[in-house]
Amino acid sequence: MAVWIQAQQLQGDALHQMQSLYGQHFPIEVRHYLSQWLEGQLWDVIDLENPQEEFKAKRLLDSLIQELQNKAEHQVGEDGFLLKIKLGHYASQLKSTYDRCPLELVRCIKHILYTEQRLVREASNSSSPVGGMMDSMSQKYQQINQAFEELRLLTQDTENDLRKLQHNQEYFIIQYQESLRIQAQLTSLTTLPPADRQLREPTLLSKRATVEAWLTREANTLQKYRLDLAEKHQKSLQLLRKQQTIILDDELIHWKRRQQLAGNGGPPEGGLDILQSWCEKLAETIWQNRQQIRRAEHLRQQLPIPGPIEELLNDLNSTITDIISALVTSTFIIEKQPPQVLKTQTKFAATVRLLVGGKLNVHMNPPQVKATIISEQQAKALLKNENTRNDSSGEILNNNCVMEYHQATGTLSANFRNMSLKRIKRSDRRGAESVTEEKFTILFESQFSVGGNELVFQVKTLSLPVVVIVHGSQDNNATATVLWDNAFAEPVSSVWCHVGHNLTSALGTSCCRGVISSL
């Protein structure tokens, strides 16, 4: 049976994951109407890392566009007319998106097909207890999506209130200028003859009294609008914190734990697509609220009115900065872990990913990631937020990599393909402790800015525990060490943020207790 036919029968979380694969980069309608053609192409024979394969990818892109155009031409009737226009639009859209980077189209479609096959396979292999668990997960995911909808409505409500406040304040300023003009006219009366002054002065005094009374009432109204808006922002930030806690301290930590158990032969940890979509929604909503708070502060500075609003806005700004700092630092993760038994002078790979990189436009100034190997003691100090020297415990070749943005999948990642541990510096061992019991970790660190350098983040993340060997005879004992640590580790979430002016320093660890199992 075709994969697409089975994919349409997915339910719950699996259906949400499948839906999250599609968007402007590849519309789900294209997948539906070209399902047989898409599944019949040899996507896997194209090596995405080989630029010379681009001509094959271009040929597939041209064929895809031709298939879409042919499908569009064969549509008839009233409904067919609308579908014809839509499919023609998708053909132009895909050509515009991938004409200069056809390999990205192949990467996108391979990712979609692989994920659908996995979801269908998992659904078909699931038994009744698993089905119950899936129903529970589906209910939880539904609650998360409902919370996002509530946040969207709250953010739209505060946006409308902010625009109303701005309009009223602009009108207030106009009336205030009118009061100054009336006062200037009253002052100028002193130069007029007494008869003229007595004739014009009562009218101007009456106008001034009317305008000043209106200004007094409107100032109180504006202050109330500001306080009401601040209270609504407080409610939004409380819900944002709650939603972020669920996603980062629950779902993301569970994914990391599954990743660790997969190193012991457990089931795959699963994709990051749905987690990334949630994190991107968080980032978008947080940034919208942050911009609203900044606009409210600008309005306050433009027209200062005595009251508690200044302190409230300062608290809101501090809170929203803490929230976005926690999100960015926690979503700097290791997508593909380095091998946990690491032999010197041997090539190894790892992939680091920033789940909110695309949404926050970090890729506009691509950050560089650096990898270093540190000891267990240094890892402990980092987790305790203690000041440590930047000494490494060894030398890694090819340990710098620039993060790349893949438009088709919306991912920002650094793919270390050719790292090699040139040398290792071991600590003094006591008693019968073996080199295969000494643990290290790979520290990945980077720095990037968002919002035009408004916030600069220094982020760090730790790999799972690594045992370094120099000879194949040590492999079994080293493997036993990491298997034990993986099996009995406890998930932890440790984030350290310090915000000062426009600088945010943060340590978002993706390691588990296995790195510091003696704690």
Protein backbone atom coordinates (compact mmCIF):
# COMPACT_ATOMS: atom_id res chain seq x y z
CA MET A 1 0.00 0.00 0.00
CA ALA A 2 1.29 3.49 -0.87
CA VAL A 3 2.80 5.34 2.07
CA TRP A 4 0.55 8.37 1.51
CA ILE A 5 -2.61 6.28 1.76
CA GLN A 6 -1.45 4.91 5.11
CA ALA A 7 -0.21 8.32 6.29
CA GLN A 8 -3.71 9.75 5.86
CA GLN A 9 -4.97 7.21 8.41
CA LEU A 10 -2.60 8.41 11.15
CA GLN A 11 -4.16 9.75 14.32
CA GLY A 12 -3.20 11.78 17.38
CA ASP A 13 0.42 12.79 17.77
CA ALA A 14 1.48 10.90 14.64
CA LEU A 15 -0.98 12.96 12.58
CA HIS A 16 0.31 16.20 14.15
CA GLN A 17 3.88 15.19 13.33
CA MET A 18 2.93 14.38 9.76
CA GLN A 19 1.11 17.70 9.31
CA SER A 20 4.08 19.64 10.69
CA LEU A 21 6.21 18.37 7.79
CA TYR A 22 4.37 20.60 5.33
CA GLY A 23 4.16 24.32 4.78
CA GLN A 24 5.14 26.95 2.23
CA HIS A 25 8.42 25.12 1.60
CA PHE A 26 6.44 22.09 0.38
CA PRO A 27 2.61 22.27 0.36
CA ILE A 28 0.68 19.21 1.49
CA GLU A 29 -1.49 19.49 -1.67
CA VAL A 30 1.58 18.70 -3.79
CA ARG A 31 2.19 15.60 -1.69
CA HIS A 32 -1.46 14.57 -2.12
CA TYR A 33 -1.87 15.02 -5.87
CA LEU A 34 1.61 13.72 -6.82
CA SER A 35 1.81 10.95 -4.21
CA GLN A 36 2.53 8.11 -6.64
CA TRP A 37 5.09 10.10 -8.60
CA LEU A 38 6.89 11.29 -5.45
CA GLU A 39 7.13 7.79 -3.99
CA GLY A 40 8.35 6.40 -7.31
CA GLN A 41 11.45 8.59 -7.64
CA LEU A 42 14.96 7.51 -6.57
CA TRP A 43 15.59 10.26 -4.03
CA ASP A 44 18.04 8.18 -1.99
CA VAL A 45 20.57 7.82 -4.82
CA ILE A 46 21.38 11.53 -4.63
CA ASP A 47 24.25 12.40 -2.28
CA LEU A 48 23.26 15.66 -0.61
CA GLU A 49 26.84 16.37 0.45
CA ASN A 50 28.17 16.16 -3.12
CA PRO A 51 27.70 19.41 -5.10
CA GLN A 52 28.22 17.48 -8.33
CA GLU A 53 24.86 15.79 -7.74
CA GLU A 54 23.09 19.10 -8.21
CA PHE A 55 22.28 18.40 -11.86
CA LYS A 56 20.34 15.26 -10.83
CA ALA A 57 18.42 17.29 -8.27
CA LYS A 58 17.69 19.97 -10.88
CA ARG A 59 16.33 17.32 -13.22
CA LEU A 60 14.00 16.03 -10.49
CA LEU A 61 12.87 19.59 -9.72
CA ASP A 62 12.04 20.19 -13.40
CA SER A 63 10.16 16.88 -13.54
CA LEU A 64 8.20 17.75 -10.40
CA ILE A 65 7.16 21.11 -11.81
CA GLN A 66 6.17 19.47 -15.10
CA GLU A 67 4.07 16.89 -13.26
CA LEU A 68 2.30 19.66 -11.35
CA GLN A 69 1.61 21.59 -14.54
CA ASN A 70 0.28 18.46 -16.26
CA LYS A 71 -1.96 17.74 -13.27
CA ALA A 72 -3.24 21.31 -13.38
CA GLU A 73 -4.06 21.16 -17.10
CA HIS A 74 -6.24 18.08 -16.67
CA GLN A 75 -8.56 19.73 -14.12
CA VAL A 76 -12.07 20.44 -15.36
CA GLY A 77 -15.29 21.82 -13.93
CA GLU A 78 -15.84 24.54 -11.33
CA ASP A 79 -13.81 22.82 -8.60
CA GLY A 80 -11.20 21.85 -11.15
CA PHE A 81 -10.74 25.49 -12.14
CA LEU A 82 -9.77 26.49 -8.60
CA LEU A 83 -7.47 23.47 -8.23
CA LYS A 84 -5.86 24.28 -11.59
CA ILE A 85 -4.99 27.77 -10.36
CA LYS A 86 -3.70 26.45 -7.04
CA LEU A 87 -1.48 23.74 -8.57
CA GLY A 88 -0.11 26.23 -11.09
CA HIS A 89 0.74 28.57 -8.23
CA TYR A 90 2.52 25.76 -6.37
CA ALA A 91 4.56 24.94 -9.49
CA SER A 92 5.76 28.55 -9.72
CA GLN A 93 6.38 28.69 -5.97
CA LEU A 94 8.54 25.54 -5.92
CA LYS A 95 10.53 26.69 -8.95
CA SER A 96 11.17 30.06 -7.34
CA THR A 97 12.18 28.47 -4.01
CA TYR A 98 14.45 25.67 -5.25
CA ASP A 99 15.67 26.68 -8.71
CA ARG A 100 18.99 27.88 -7.29
CA CYS A 101 19.25 25.16 -4.64
CA PRO A 102 17.66 21.96 -6.02
CA LEU A 103 19.53 19.81 -3.50
CA GLU A 104 17.44 21.44 -0.77
CA LEU A 105 14.30 20.15 -2.48
CA VAL A 106 15.73 16.63 -2.42
CA ARG A 107 16.68 17.04 1.23
CA CYS A 108 13.15 18.24 2.02
CA ILE A 109 11.36 15.41 0.19
CA LYS A 110 13.69 12.73 1.60
CA HIS A 111 12.98 14.05 5.08
CA ILE A 112 9.22 14.02 4.47
CA LEU A 113 9.13 10.51 3.00
CA TYR A 114 11.41 9.07 5.68
CA THR A 115 9.36 10.61 8.49
CA GLU A 116 6.06 9.42 7.00
CA GLN A 117 7.42 5.89 6.62
CA ARG A 118 8.58 5.92 10.22
CA LEU A 119 5.25 7.22 11.52
CA VAL A 120 3.31 4.64 9.50
CA ARG A 121 5.61 1.86 10.68
CA GLU A 122 5.31 2.89 14.32
CA ALA A 123 1.52 3.14 14.05
CA SER A 124 1.21 -0.29 12.44
CA ASN A 125 3.48 -1.90 15.06
CA SER A 126 1.70 -0.30 18.00
CA SER A 127 -0.33 -2.54 20.28
CA SER A 128 -3.35 -1.63 22.41
CA PRO A 129 -1.35 -0.34 25.44
CA VAL A 130 0.74 1.79 23.12
CA GLY A 131 -2.43 3.01 21.47
CA GLY A 132 -3.66 4.13 24.88
CA MET A 133 -0.39 5.94 25.45
CA MET A 134 -0.73 7.60 22.04
CA ASP A 135 -4.22 8.78 22.99
CA SER A 136 -2.76 10.29 26.16
CA MET A 137 -0.01 12.00 24.15
CA SER A 138 -2.57 13.24 21.65
CA GLN A 139 -4.57 14.76 24.50
CA LYS A 140 -1.45 16.44 25.88
CA TYR A 141 -0.50 17.81 22.48
CA GLN A 142 -4.03 19.09 22.05
CA GLN A 143 -3.69 20.96 25.34
CA ILE A 144 -0.42 22.49 24.13
CA ASN A 145 -2.04 23.61 20.88
CA GLN A 146 -5.02 25.03 22.77
CA ALA A 147 -2.63 27.03 24.97
CA PHE A 148 -0.97 28.40 21.83
CA GLU A 149 -4.37 29.47 20.51
CA GLU A 150 -5.11 31.22 23.81
CA LEU A 151 -1.74 32.98 23.61
CA ARG A 152 -2.46 34.05 20.05
CA LEU A 153 -5.78 35.58 21.07
CA LEU A 154 -4.23 37.32 24.09
CA THR A 155 -1.44 38.73 21.94
CA GLN A 156 -3.92 39.98 19.37
CA ASP A 157 -6.01 41.56 22.14
CA THR A 158 -3.02 43.41 23.60
CA GLU A 159 -2.03 44.53 20.10
CA ASN A 160 -5.48 46.04 19.59
CA ASP A 161 -5.34 47.72 23.02
CA LEU A 162 -1.89 49.10 22.27
CA ARG A 163 -3.09 50.64 19.01
CA LYS A 164 -6.08 52.16 20.81
CA LEU A 165 -3.76 53.57 23.48
CA GLN A 166 -1.48 55.03 20.83
CA HIS A 167 -4.41 56.66 18.99
CA ASN A 168 -5.80 58.19 22.20
CA GLN A 169 -2.38 59.41 23.25
CA GLU A 170 -1.77 61.06 19.90
CA TYR A 171 -5.11 62.86 20.20
CA PHE A 172 -4.22 63.87 23.78
CA ILE A 173 -0.95 65.42 22.56
CA ILE A 174 -2.86 67.37 19.91
CA GLN A 175 -5.24 68.74 22.56
CA TYR A 176 -2.31 69.53 24.84
CA GLN A 177 -0.76 71.57 22.04
CA GLU A 178 -4.12 73.31 21.68
CA SER A 179 -4.01 74.23 25.41
CA LEU A 180 -0.53 75.69 24.93
CA ARG A 181 -1.80 77.73 21.98
CA ILE A 182 -4.69 79.08 24.08
CA GLN A 183 -2.27 79.96 26.88
CA ALA A 184 -0.05 81.79 24.40
CA GLN A 185 -3.07 83.77 23.19
CA LEU A 186 -3.96 84.70 26.78
CA THR A 187 -0.40 85.86 27.37
CA SER A 188 -0.49 87.99 24.24
CA LEU A 189 -3.62 89.80 25.51
CA THR A 190 -1.45 91.84 27.86
CA THR A 191 -0.25 93.82 24.86
CA LEU A 192 -3.79 94.73 23.81
CA PRO A 193 -5.82 97.76 24.97
CA PRO A 194 -7.99 97.02 28.05
CA ALA A 195 -11.20 97.12 26.04
CA ASP A 196 -10.00 94.52 23.53
CA ARG A 197 -8.57 92.38 26.31
CA GLN A 198 -11.87 92.35 28.23
CA LEU A 199 -13.70 91.41 25.03
CA ARG A 200 -11.55 88.38 24.14
CA GLU A 201 -10.29 87.17 27.52
CA PRO A 202 -13.52 85.48 28.84
CA THR A 203 -13.82 83.32 25.71
CA LEU A 204 -10.18 82.19 25.89
CA LEU A 205 -10.44 81.49 29.62
CA SER A 206 -13.52 79.38 29.03
CA LYS A 207 -11.75 77.47 26.25
CA ARG A 208 -8.71 76.89 28.47
CA ALA A 209 -10.84 75.61 31.33
CA THR A 210 -12.69 73.23 29.01
CA VAL A 211 -9.50 71.86 27.43
CA GLU A 212 -7.69 71.51 30.76
CA ALA A 213 -10.66 69.65 32.28
CA TRP A 214 -10.66 67.32 29.27
CA LEU A 215 -6.89 66.84 29.56
CA THR A 216 -7.21 65.92 33.24
CA ARG A 217 -9.92 63.36 32.55
CA GLU A 218 -8.08 61.95 29.53
CA ALA A 219 -4.79 61.68 31.45
CA ASN A 220 -6.56 59.49 34.01
CA THR A 221 -8.09 57.46 31.18
CA LEU A 222 -4.70 57.00 29.50
CA GLN A 223 -3.17 55.89 32.79
CA LYS A 224 -5.96 53.35 33.21
CA TYR A 225 -5.40 52.07 29.64
CA ARG A 226 -1.70 51.67 30.39
CA LEU A 227 -2.32 49.78 33.63
CA ASP A 228 -4.95 47.53 32.00
CA LEU A 229 -2.54 46.77 29.15
CA ALA A 230 0.26 45.95 31.62
CA GLU A 231 -2.05 43.58 33.50
CA LYS A 232 -2.94 41.80 30.26
CA HIS A 233 0.76 41.48 29.42
CA GLN A 234 1.35 39.99 32.88
CA LYS A 235 -1.30 37.38 32.14
CA SER A 236 0.28 36.62 28.75
CA LEU A 237 3.74 36.22 30.28
CA GLN A 238 2.40 33.89 32.98
CA LEU A 239 0.84 31.66 30.32
CA LEU A 240 4.01 31.89 28.23
CA ARG A 241 6.12 30.72 31.18
CA LYS A 242 3.75 27.82 31.82
CA GLN A 243 3.72 26.77 28.17
CA GLN A 244 7.49 27.09 27.89
CA THR A 245 7.99 24.98 31.02
CA ILE A 246 5.88 22.18 29.53
CA ILE A 247 7.77 22.23 26.23
CA LEU A 248 11.33 22.73 27.51
CA ASP A 249 11.33 21.03 30.91
CA ASP A 250 9.06 18.17 29.91
CA GLU A 251 8.90 17.40 26.20
CA LEU A 252 12.45 18.46 25.27
CA ILE A 253 13.98 16.77 28.33
CA HIS A 254 12.07 13.58 27.49
CA TRP A 255 13.48 13.73 23.95
CA LYS A 256 17.00 14.06 25.34
CA ARG A 257 16.42 11.10 27.64
CA ARG A 258 15.20 9.01 24.71
CA GLN A 259 18.30 10.09 22.81
CA GLN A 260 20.47 8.84 25.66
CA LEU A 261 18.67 5.49 25.91
CA ALA A 262 18.95 5.10 22.13
CA GLY A 263 22.71 5.01 22.70
CA ASN A 264 22.09 1.79 24.67
CA GLY A 265 20.16 0.24 21.82
CA GLY A 266 16.76 1.64 22.79
CA PRO A 267 14.20 2.88 20.25
CA PRO A 268 15.13 5.99 18.23
CA GLU A 269 14.50 9.28 20.00
CA GLY A 270 12.25 10.48 17.19
CA GLY A 271 12.39 13.63 15.11
CA LEU A 272 12.56 17.19 16.32
CA ASP A 273 10.06 18.66 13.88
CA ILE A 274 7.10 18.98 16.23
CA LEU A 275 9.33 20.23 19.07
CA GLN A 276 10.85 22.81 16.75
CA SER A 277 7.39 23.95 15.60
CA TRP A 278 6.39 24.49 19.25
CA CYS A 279 9.62 26.31 20.08
CA GLU A 280 9.20 28.53 17.02
CA LYS A 281 5.64 29.39 18.07
CA LEU A 282 6.99 30.27 21.52
CA ALA A 283 9.72 32.43 19.99
CA GLU A 284 7.24 34.24 17.72
CA THR A 285 4.78 34.91 20.54
CA ILE A 286 7.50 35.98 22.98
CA TRP A 287 9.00 38.37 20.43
CA GLN A 288 5.60 39.89 19.61
CA ASN A 289 4.93 40.53 23.31
CA ARG A 290 8.43 41.91 23.78
CA GLN A 291 7.92 44.39 20.93
CA GLN A 292 4.54 45.40 22.38
CA ILE A 293 6.10 46.05 25.79
CA ARG A 294 8.82 48.15 24.18
CA ARG A 295 6.21 50.17 22.27
CA ALA A 296 4.27 50.71 25.50
CA GLU A 297 7.48 51.96 27.13
CA HIS A 298 8.06 54.31 24.20
CA LEU A 299 4.56 55.74 24.64
CA ARG A 300 5.21 56.25 28.36
CA GLN A 301 8.45 58.10 27.63
CA GLN A 302 6.71 60.19 25.00
CA LEU A 303 4.05 61.27 27.50
CA PRO A 304 5.12 60.72 31.13
CA ILE A 305 2.19 60.51 33.55
CA PRO A 306 2.98 60.00 37.26
CA GLY A 307 2.04 56.54 38.51
CA PRO A 308 3.24 52.94 38.91
CA ILE A 309 3.38 52.17 35.18
CA GLU A 310 7.13 52.77 34.85
CA GLU A 311 7.96 50.09 37.43
CA LEU A 312 5.43 47.70 35.90
CA LEU A 313 6.93 48.09 32.43
CA ASN A 314 10.45 47.55 33.80
CA ASP A 315 9.30 44.32 35.45
CA LEU A 316 7.58 43.17 32.26
CA ASN A 317 10.65 43.91 30.16
CA SER A 318 12.87 42.01 32.60
CA THR A 319 10.49 39.05 32.65
CA ILE A 320 10.15 38.80 28.87
CA THR A 321 13.93 38.97 28.50
CA ASP A 322 14.33 36.11 30.98
CA ILE A 323 11.75 34.07 29.08
CA ILE A 324 13.38 34.51 25.68
CA SER A 325 16.83 33.86 27.19
CA ALA A 326 15.64 30.56 28.65
CA LEU A 327 14.09 29.58 25.32
CA VAL A 328 17.16 30.33 23.23
CA THR A 329 19.67 28.72 25.59
CA SER A 330 17.56 25.59 26.11
CA THR A 331 16.97 25.01 22.40
CA PHE A 332 20.69 24.95 21.56
CA ILE A 333 20.92 21.16 21.50
CA ILE A 334 22.96 18.27 20.13
CA GLU A 335 20.85 16.61 17.45
CA LYS A 336 23.44 13.92 16.67
CA GLN A 337 25.65 12.96 19.59
CA PRO A 338 29.35 12.21 19.11
CA PRO A 339 30.32 8.57 19.75
CA GLN A 340 30.48 7.87 23.46
CA VAL A 341 33.52 5.65 23.06
CA LEU A 342 36.00 7.91 21.35
CA LYS A 343 39.28 6.63 19.98
CA THR A 344 42.12 9.07 19.48
CA GLN A 345 43.28 9.79 15.93
CA THR A 346 39.90 8.60 14.61
CA LYS A 347 37.39 10.71 12.69
CA PHE A 348 34.02 11.33 14.32
CA ALA A 349 30.96 13.52 13.71
CA ALA A 350 28.27 15.43 15.60
CA THR A 351 25.43 17.84 14.77
CA VAL A 352 24.35 20.82 16.86
CA ARG A 353 21.01 22.52 16.21
CA LEU A 354 19.26 25.69 17.36
CA LEU A 355 15.52 25.00 17.31
CA VAL A 356 14.54 28.69 17.17
CA GLY A 357 17.34 29.85 14.86
CA GLY A 358 15.18 30.26 11.77
CA LYS A 359 12.33 32.06 13.52
CA LEU A 360 14.69 34.56 15.20
CA ASN A 361 16.68 35.09 11.96
CA VAL A 362 19.94 34.04 13.61
CA HIS A 363 21.05 32.71 10.21
CA MET A 364 21.22 36.25 8.82
CA ASN A 365 24.59 36.47 10.58
CA PRO A 366 25.60 32.77 10.74
CA PRO A 367 27.17 31.96 14.11
CA GLN A 368 30.19 29.71 14.52
CA VAL A 369 30.18 26.76 16.92
CA LYS A 370 33.31 25.53 18.66
CA ALA A 371 33.79 22.06 20.11
CA THR A 372 36.21 21.25 22.94
CA ILE A 373 36.66 18.21 25.15
CA ILE A 374 36.52 18.79 28.90
CA SER A 375 36.84 16.58 31.94
CA GLU A 376 34.10 15.36 34.25
CA GLN A 377 35.23 17.83 36.93
CA GLN A 378 34.97 20.74 34.48
CA ALA A 379 31.50 19.55 33.46
CA LYS A 380 30.44 19.49 37.11
CA ALA A 381 31.65 23.05 37.57
CA LEU A 382 29.72 24.20 34.50
CA LEU A 383 26.53 22.57 35.73
CA LYS A 384 26.97 24.32 39.09
CA ASN A 385 27.51 27.64 37.28
CA GLU A 386 30.96 27.95 38.82
CA ASN A 387 33.68 29.98 37.22
CA THR A 388 36.06 27.69 35.39
CA ARG A 389 39.15 28.20 33.34
CA ASN A 390 38.81 27.68 29.62
CA ASP A 391 41.39 24.89 29.65
CA SER A 392 40.42 21.87 27.56
CA SER A 393 41.33 18.29 28.32
CA GLY A 394 42.56 17.57 24.86
CA GLU A 395 42.91 18.81 21.31
CA ILE A 396 40.19 18.27 18.71
CA LEU A 397 40.98 18.86 15.05
CA ASN A 398 38.38 20.53 12.78
CA ASN A 399 36.50 21.71 15.87
CA ASN A 400 34.95 24.87 14.40
CA CYS A 401 31.86 24.88 12.22
CA VAL A 402 29.51 27.59 10.92
CA MET A 403 25.80 27.00 11.45
CA GLU A 404 23.90 26.61 8.18
CA TYR A 405 20.24 27.36 7.53
CA HIS A 406 18.29 24.81 5.46
CA GLN A 407 15.36 26.70 4.02
CA ALA A 408 13.44 23.59 3.00
CA THR A 409 13.25 22.21 6.54
CA GLY A 410 13.66 25.51 8.42
CA THR A 411 16.54 24.12 10.48
CA LEU A 412 19.67 25.93 11.63
CA SER A 413 22.46 23.50 12.45
CA ALA A 414 26.20 22.96 12.52
CA ASN A 415 27.30 19.62 11.11
CA PHE A 416 30.76 18.62 12.36
CA ARG A 417 31.75 15.95 9.84
CA ASN A 418 35.49 15.49 10.27
CA MET A 419 36.46 16.02 13.89
CA SER A 420 39.34 14.01 15.28
CA LEU A 421 40.73 13.81 18.82
CA LYS A 422 44.44 14.42 18.38
CA ARG A 423 45.42 14.06 22.02
CA ILE A 424 43.84 13.69 25.47
CA LYS A 425 44.99 15.04 28.83
CA ARG A 426 44.00 12.71 31.64
CA SER A 427 43.69 13.46 35.34
CA ASP A 428 45.72 11.70 38.01
CA ARG A 429 44.06 8.34 38.65
CA ARG A 430 43.91 6.80 42.10
CA GLY A 431 43.75 3.15 43.12
CA ALA A 432 42.43 0.69 40.59
CA GLU A 433 40.67 3.32 38.47
CA SER A 434 41.11 2.52 34.80
CA VAL A 435 41.34 4.88 31.85
CA THR A 436 38.12 3.29 30.61
CA GLU A 437 36.32 4.60 33.71
CA GLU A 438 37.42 8.20 33.22
CA LYS A 439 34.67 10.26 31.62
CA PHE A 440 34.83 13.38 29.47
CA THR A 441 32.28 15.37 27.50
CA ILE A 442 32.32 17.44 24.34
CA LEU A 443 31.44 21.09 25.04
CA PHE A 444 29.83 22.96 22.15
CA GLU A 445 29.65 26.74 22.48
CA SER A 446 28.62 29.64 20.30
CA GLN A 447 27.57 33.28 20.36
CA PHE A 448 24.89 35.00 18.32
CA SER A 449 22.60 37.99 18.42
CA VAL A 450 18.90 38.57 17.76
CA GLY A 451 16.89 41.68 17.07
CA GLY A 452 19.71 43.68 15.54
CA ASN A 453 22.14 43.03 18.41
CA GLU A 454 19.49 43.91 20.99
CA LEU A 455 20.31 40.63 22.72
CA VAL A 456 23.57 38.74 22.43
CA PHE A 457 23.57 35.12 23.60
CA GLN A 458 26.54 33.04 24.66
CA VAL A 459 25.34 29.44 24.65
CA LYS A 460 26.93 26.17 25.70
CA THR A 461 25.74 22.59 25.57
CA LEU A 462 27.36 19.35 26.74
CA SER A 463 27.35 16.00 25.00
CA LEU A 464 26.58 12.71 26.66
CA PRO A 465 29.52 11.24 28.62
CA VAL A 466 32.48 10.17 26.51
CA VAL A 467 35.21 7.64 27.35
CA VAL A 468 38.46 8.08 25.43
CA ILE A 469 40.49 5.05 24.36
CA VAL A 470 43.73 4.68 22.41
CA HIS A 471 43.48 0.99 21.50
CA GLY A 472 40.72 -1.33 20.35
CA SER A 473 41.34 -3.66 23.30
CA GLN A 474 39.87 -0.98 25.60
CA ASP A 475 36.59 -0.77 23.69
CA ASN A 476 34.57 -3.30 25.72
CA ASN A 477 35.37 -1.79 29.12
CA ALA A 478 34.76 1.72 27.83
CA THR A 479 31.41 0.67 26.35
CA ALA A 480 30.41 -0.84 29.70
CA THR A 481 31.09 2.51 31.39
CA VAL A 482 28.87 4.53 29.05
CA LEU A 483 26.13 1.87 28.97
CA TRP A 484 25.92 2.02 32.77
CA ASP A 485 25.82 5.81 32.79
CA ASN A 486 23.16 5.95 30.07
CA ALA A 487 20.95 3.39 31.78
CA PHE A 488 20.95 4.98 35.23
CA ALA A 489 21.19 8.65 34.38
CA GLU A 490 18.51 11.07 35.55
CA PRO A 491 17.34 13.82 33.19
CA VAL A 492 18.31 17.31 34.26
CA SER A 493 17.59 20.75 32.91
CA SER A 494 20.14 23.34 33.92
CA VAL A 495 20.01 26.84 32.51
CA TRP A 496 22.00 29.80 33.71
CA CYS A 497 21.19 33.27 32.42
CA HIS A 498 22.72 36.61 33.24
CA VAL A 499 21.19 39.65 31.58
CA GLY A 500 23.09 42.89 31.55
CA HIS A 501 22.13 45.72 29.24
CA ASN A 502 22.23 44.15 25.78
CA LEU A 503 24.25 41.07 26.78
CA THR A 504 22.72 37.75 27.72
CA SER A 505 25.10 34.98 28.74
CA ALA A 506 23.63 31.55 29.12
CA LEU A 507 24.50 27.93 29.69
CA GLY A 508 21.86 25.57 28.40
CA THR A 509 23.08 22.05 29.01
CA SER A 510 21.81 19.11 27.04
CA CYS A 511 23.65 16.54 29.09
CA CYS A 512 22.13 14.17 31.59
CA ARG A 513 23.29 13.06 34.97
CA GLY A 514 25.48 10.46 33.27
CA VAL A 515 28.08 13.16 32.75
CA ILE A 516 28.27 13.69 36.50
CA SER A 517 27.05 10.37 37.79
CA SER A 518 28.99 10.71 41.01
CA LEU A 519 26.90 13.70 42.10
